[in-house]
Every structure is written in C-alpha cells, then in structure tokens.
Protein backbone atom coordinates (compact mmCIF):
# COMPACT_ATOMS: atom_id res chain seq x y z
CA MET A 1 -7.71 -9.74 -47.70
CA ASN A 2 -8.73 -13.32 -47.13
CA ALA A 3 -7.69 -16.51 -48.92
CA ASP A 4 -10.57 -16.24 -51.42
CA ASP A 5 -9.47 -12.74 -52.40
CA MET A 6 -5.93 -13.94 -52.94
CA ARG A 7 -7.18 -16.77 -55.17
CA ARG A 8 -9.16 -14.21 -57.17
CA LEU A 9 -6.09 -12.07 -57.65
CA GLU A 10 -4.03 -15.13 -58.66
CA ALA A 11 -6.60 -16.12 -61.23
CA VAL A 12 -6.28 -12.74 -63.03
CA GLY A 13 -2.69 -11.81 -62.32
CA ALA A 14 0.65 -12.76 -63.72
CA GLU A 15 3.78 -13.82 -61.87
CA VAL A 16 6.66 -11.44 -62.76
CA GLU A 17 10.32 -11.41 -61.71
CA ILE A 18 11.85 -8.00 -61.13
CA PRO A 19 15.60 -7.35 -60.50
CA ALA A 20 16.89 -5.46 -57.50
CA GLY A 21 17.04 -1.71 -58.15
CA GLN A 22 14.21 -1.56 -60.67
CA VAL A 23 11.45 0.98 -60.06
CA LEU A 24 8.02 -0.59 -60.01
CA ILE A 25 6.04 2.53 -59.41
CA GLU A 26 6.87 6.19 -60.04
CA ARG A 27 5.23 8.99 -57.98
CA GLY A 28 2.70 10.99 -59.93
CA GLN A 29 1.99 8.38 -62.62
CA HIS A 30 -1.48 7.01 -63.26
CA GLY A 31 -2.06 3.75 -61.49
CA ALA A 32 -2.08 0.95 -64.00
CA GLY A 33 -2.22 -1.93 -61.56
CA LEU A 34 -0.93 -3.38 -58.37
CA PHE A 35 1.63 -5.85 -57.08
CA VAL A 36 1.48 -8.51 -54.42
CA ILE A 37 5.02 -9.31 -53.27
CA ARG A 38 5.73 -13.04 -53.26
CA GLU A 39 9.47 -13.02 -52.59
CA GLY A 40 11.87 -10.14 -51.90
CA THR A 41 11.56 -6.58 -50.61
CA VAL A 42 10.69 -3.10 -51.84
CA VAL A 43 11.14 0.33 -50.45
CA VAL A 44 8.23 2.72 -50.65
CA GLU A 45 9.73 6.27 -51.00
CA ALA A 46 7.03 8.67 -49.93
CA PRO A 47 7.19 12.39 -48.91
CA GLU A 48 6.53 11.36 -45.30
CA GLY A 49 9.46 8.89 -45.35
CA ASN A 50 10.66 5.53 -46.61
CA VAL A 51 9.17 2.15 -45.57
CA GLU A 52 10.35 -1.29 -46.57
CA PHE A 53 7.86 -4.07 -47.40
CA GLY A 54 8.25 -7.78 -48.06
CA PRO A 55 6.24 -10.97 -48.87
CA SER A 56 2.51 -10.79 -48.79
CA SER A 57 2.47 -7.01 -48.99
CA VAL A 58 0.12 -5.34 -51.50
CA ILE A 59 1.76 -2.40 -53.30
CA GLY A 60 0.04 0.14 -55.64
CA GLU A 61 -3.60 -0.29 -54.61
CA ARG A 62 -4.10 3.27 -53.41
CA ALA A 63 -3.98 4.80 -56.88
CA LEU A 64 -6.48 2.11 -58.12
CA LEU A 65 -8.89 2.95 -55.29
CA ALA A 66 -8.45 6.72 -55.26
CA GLN A 67 -10.56 9.00 -57.45
CA HIS A 68 -7.58 10.85 -58.91
CA GLY A 69 -5.77 7.54 -59.73
CA ARG A 70 -2.22 8.89 -59.33
CA ARG A 71 0.66 7.27 -57.56
CA ALA A 72 1.51 8.84 -54.20
CA ALA A 73 4.99 7.32 -53.82
CA ARG A 74 7.95 5.75 -55.69
CA VAL A 75 8.41 1.99 -55.18
CA ARG A 76 11.84 0.36 -55.86
CA ALA A 77 12.89 -3.16 -55.52
CA THR A 78 15.62 -3.51 -52.83
CA SER A 79 16.22 -7.17 -53.74
CA ASP A 80 15.28 -9.46 -56.61
CA LEU A 81 11.52 -9.85 -56.52
CA ARG A 82 8.87 -12.30 -57.55
CA VAL A 83 5.51 -10.45 -57.63
CA LEU A 84 1.98 -11.14 -58.70
CA ALA A 85 1.03 -8.25 -61.04
CA VAL A 86 -2.65 -7.40 -61.52
CA ASP A 87 -3.82 -4.66 -63.92
CA ARG A 88 -6.34 -1.96 -63.21
CA HIS A 89 -9.10 -3.45 -65.40
CA GLU A 90 -9.02 -6.74 -63.45
CA ILE A 91 -9.13 -4.86 -60.09
CA GLU A 92 -12.11 -2.82 -61.27
CA GLN A 93 -13.93 -6.03 -62.28
CA LEU A 94 -13.20 -7.68 -58.97
CA CYS A 95 -14.54 -4.55 -57.16
CA ALA A 96 -17.66 -4.56 -59.32
CA ASP A 97 -18.30 -8.20 -58.66
CA ASP A 98 -17.79 -7.81 -54.92
CA PRO A 99 -18.19 -4.23 -53.49
CA ASP A 100 -16.44 -5.23 -50.22
CA PHE A 101 -13.40 -6.32 -52.16
CA ALA A 102 -12.19 -2.67 -52.44
CA ARG A 103 -12.30 -2.24 -48.62
CA ARG A 104 -10.42 -5.48 -48.01
CA LEU A 105 -7.87 -4.42 -50.67
CA ALA A 106 -7.41 -1.05 -48.98
CA ASP A 107 -6.96 -2.67 -45.63
CA ALA A 108 -4.35 -5.09 -47.03
CA GLY A 109 -2.33 -2.26 -48.71
CA ALA A 110 1.09 -1.22 -47.69
C-alpha cells in the first residue's frame, strides 16, 4: 500500500483502542472488516503456526478479498492496541473505485 491508500483508509476508518488479550478476529467467522495496527502487537494463530505482527501491519484483509469471506485465523492482541478499523462496505467501495487497490491491499496484508 502507498501513502494515498493509507489516507483513503484513514478517511473511512475509525481509530479504536483494544486491550491486551482481546480477540479481534475469530477463525471461521465472516469477515466484517480489517484492522491496520497503529500501536501494539497481535498474534495471528493459524493452523500453520503463530506469527506476531506490529505497527503498520494490515490484519483481516484476506477474508474481505476471498470469495468465501471467512476468517482463516484467530487474531489476539498481545499488548494494548491502537488500530484503524475499516468495515467491509468501505473496503468494497475502495476496491470498486480503484481496481488495483485490492492487489495493493493483499500485498500489504499480514
């Protein structure tokens, strides 16, 4: 993602604070949106193993871009977080306005 893409996300997203230990995404659920980590860390608990991500990481984009729309992993805050939360409708609109946005979003994902 480039600086313009981030500005687009910021224009439609909301800053949210999430306490350590809270689950942001549960595996198997329908993807309702994505998160851009501003501060803090999360662990992505996937069948193939766990991976930690921090600031500037995009989390949850796969379910928004996949045809089935289901979450592939559980994501849990490992510290207090400040994230930019963007809902599915806004992502779909950004992709409709700029077809390359989906590719850039997929490339930026965790």
